[in-house]
Amino acid sequence: MGLDYIRAQTGKPWRKRWDGGLDRLKAPTLLDLTMSEAARTVTADLNAGSRVRAGDTLIVQSGPDGLAVSDGLRAIGRVANPSPELTAAIRDGGGYAEGVLQRVGLFGDTAEISVK
C-alpha cells in the first residue's frame, strides 16, 4: 500500500523527473572542476648582473628576511616583502617552491615571478 501511494502522489517517475537535473549538473559552471593549480605572482628585485629570460624556471626559497630567488645554485634575486599567505604556503611546502619568470622589468632590476 505505501509504495502504490507514493507512486500515485509523485506524478512522473523519479528517473524522468531528474532527467533535466542531470543535464544541468553536466553543464559547466562558474567553478569549473578543470581549473589548474593556483599561482601567485610576485615582484622580485634582481641582483646586478643577473641574466634571466622570460620563461626561466626558478627556485623560490623562504628565508628569515623574505624570499630568496635562485636559478639552481646561483642566487639571482630577493622578494623583500612577500605576502603572509605566500610565505606560509612556501613554508608549508617544505621551504621551497617552483617559480616561472613571467616578465623582466625595463631596466633589468625587477622581475615578475609566478610561484606555483
Protein backbone atom coordinates (compact mmCIF):
# COMPACT_ATOMS: atom_id res chain seq x y z
CA MET A 1 0.00 0.00 0.00
CA GLY A 2 2.76 2.50 0.82
CA LEU A 3 4.58 2.10 -2.50
CA ASP A 4 1.36 2.48 -4.51
CA TYR A 5 0.50 5.67 -2.59
CA ILE A 6 3.96 7.19 -3.21
CA ARG A 7 3.82 6.39 -6.93
CA ALA A 8 0.34 7.87 -7.26
CA GLN A 9 1.22 11.11 -5.41
CA THR A 10 4.58 11.88 -7.02
CA GLY A 11 3.41 12.07 -10.62
CA LYS A 12 6.30 11.40 -13.00
CA PRO A 13 8.64 8.54 -12.27
CA TRP A 14 11.84 9.55 -10.48
CA ARG A 15 14.08 8.96 -13.49
CA LYS A 16 12.11 11.29 -15.77
CA ARG A 17 11.76 13.96 -13.13
CA TRP A 18 15.54 14.26 -12.63
CA ASP A 19 16.48 13.92 -16.29
CA GLY A 20 16.70 17.71 -16.69
CA GLY A 21 18.62 17.98 -13.43
CA LEU A 22 21.27 15.60 -14.73
CA ASP A 23 21.76 17.79 -17.79
CA ARG A 24 22.11 20.87 -15.57
CA LEU A 25 24.74 19.10 -13.47
CA LYS A 26 26.79 18.23 -16.57
CA ALA A 27 26.83 21.84 -17.83
CA PRO A 28 29.94 23.93 -16.99
CA THR A 29 29.52 26.31 -14.08
CA LEU A 30 31.31 29.27 -12.61
CA LEU A 31 33.58 26.98 -10.57
CA ASP A 32 34.89 24.67 -13.27
CA LEU A 33 36.50 21.48 -11.97
CA THR A 34 39.27 21.59 -14.58
CA MET A 35 40.93 24.63 -13.01
CA SER A 36 44.68 24.40 -12.69
CA GLU A 37 46.64 24.89 -9.52
CA ALA A 38 46.76 28.36 -8.06
CA ALA A 39 49.72 30.52 -8.96
CA ARG A 40 50.76 33.74 -7.24
CA THR A 41 52.74 36.46 -8.97
CA VAL A 42 55.35 38.41 -7.01
CA THR A 43 57.86 41.08 -7.97
CA ALA A 44 61.46 40.25 -7.17
CA ASP A 45 64.44 42.60 -7.02
CA LEU A 46 67.19 41.11 -9.19
CA ASN A 47 70.86 41.16 -8.30
CA ALA A 48 73.19 43.18 -10.51
CA GLY A 49 74.45 41.13 -13.43
CA SER A 50 71.68 38.51 -13.31
CA ARG A 51 70.99 37.08 -16.74
CA VAL A 52 67.43 35.80 -16.85
CA ARG A 53 64.80 35.49 -19.56
CA ALA A 54 61.05 35.16 -19.56
CA GLY A 55 60.06 31.52 -19.20
CA ASP A 56 63.01 30.50 -17.00
CA THR A 57 62.19 28.10 -14.18
CA LEU A 58 63.42 29.38 -10.83
CA ILE A 59 63.52 28.22 -7.21
CA VAL A 60 61.82 30.38 -4.58
CA GLN A 61 63.07 29.66 -1.05
CA SER A 62 61.82 31.06 2.24
CA GLY A 63 64.36 32.81 4.40
CA PRO A 64 64.44 34.91 7.57
CA ASP A 65 64.19 38.24 5.72
CA GLY A 66 61.86 37.39 2.83
CA LEU A 67 62.06 35.04 -0.12
CA ALA A 68 65.25 34.21 -2.00
CA VAL A 69 65.08 33.53 -5.75
CA SER A 70 67.72 31.33 -7.35
CA ASP A 71 68.48 29.67 -10.64
CA GLY A 72 69.88 26.38 -9.42
CA LEU A 73 72.79 27.22 -7.10
CA ARG A 74 73.11 30.82 -8.29
CA ALA A 75 71.16 33.43 -6.28
CA ILE A 76 69.60 35.93 -8.65
CA GLY A 77 67.25 38.00 -6.51
CA ARG A 78 65.07 38.53 -3.47
CA VAL A 79 61.42 39.25 -2.71
CA ALA A 80 61.67 41.73 0.15
CA ASN A 81 58.07 41.94 1.39
CA PRO A 82 56.09 38.84 0.37
CA SER A 83 52.50 38.42 1.44
CA PRO A 84 51.92 36.35 4.59
CA GLU A 85 49.83 33.84 2.62
CA LEU A 86 52.65 33.22 0.14
CA THR A 87 55.24 32.90 2.89
CA ALA A 88 53.06 30.42 4.79
CA ALA A 89 52.34 28.41 1.63
CA ILE A 90 56.04 28.09 0.82
CA ARG A 91 56.96 27.14 4.38
CA ASP A 92 54.17 24.53 4.46
CA GLY A 93 55.53 23.12 1.20
CA GLY A 94 58.93 22.37 2.68
CA GLY A 95 60.50 25.81 2.30
CA TYR A 96 60.84 25.67 -1.48
CA ALA A 97 58.54 26.41 -4.42
CA GLU A 98 58.87 26.43 -8.19
CA GLY A 99 58.56 29.75 -9.96
CA VAL A 100 58.37 30.74 -13.61
CA LEU A 101 59.75 34.10 -14.66
CA GLN A 102 56.94 35.90 -16.47
CA ARG A 103 58.48 39.28 -17.27
CA VAL A 104 61.72 41.18 -16.69
CA GLY A 105 61.49 44.90 -15.88
CA LEU A 106 62.56 47.58 -18.35
CA PHE A 107 65.89 48.25 -16.64
CA GLY A 108 66.54 44.60 -15.72
CA ASP A 109 66.40 45.22 -11.98
CA THR A 110 62.99 43.64 -11.29
CA ALA A 111 61.16 40.54 -12.44
CA GLU A 112 57.63 39.19 -12.12
CA ILE A 113 57.67 35.57 -10.98
CA SER A 114 54.67 33.25 -10.96
CA VAL A 115 55.03 30.95 -7.93
CA LYS A 116 53.24 27.60 -8.00
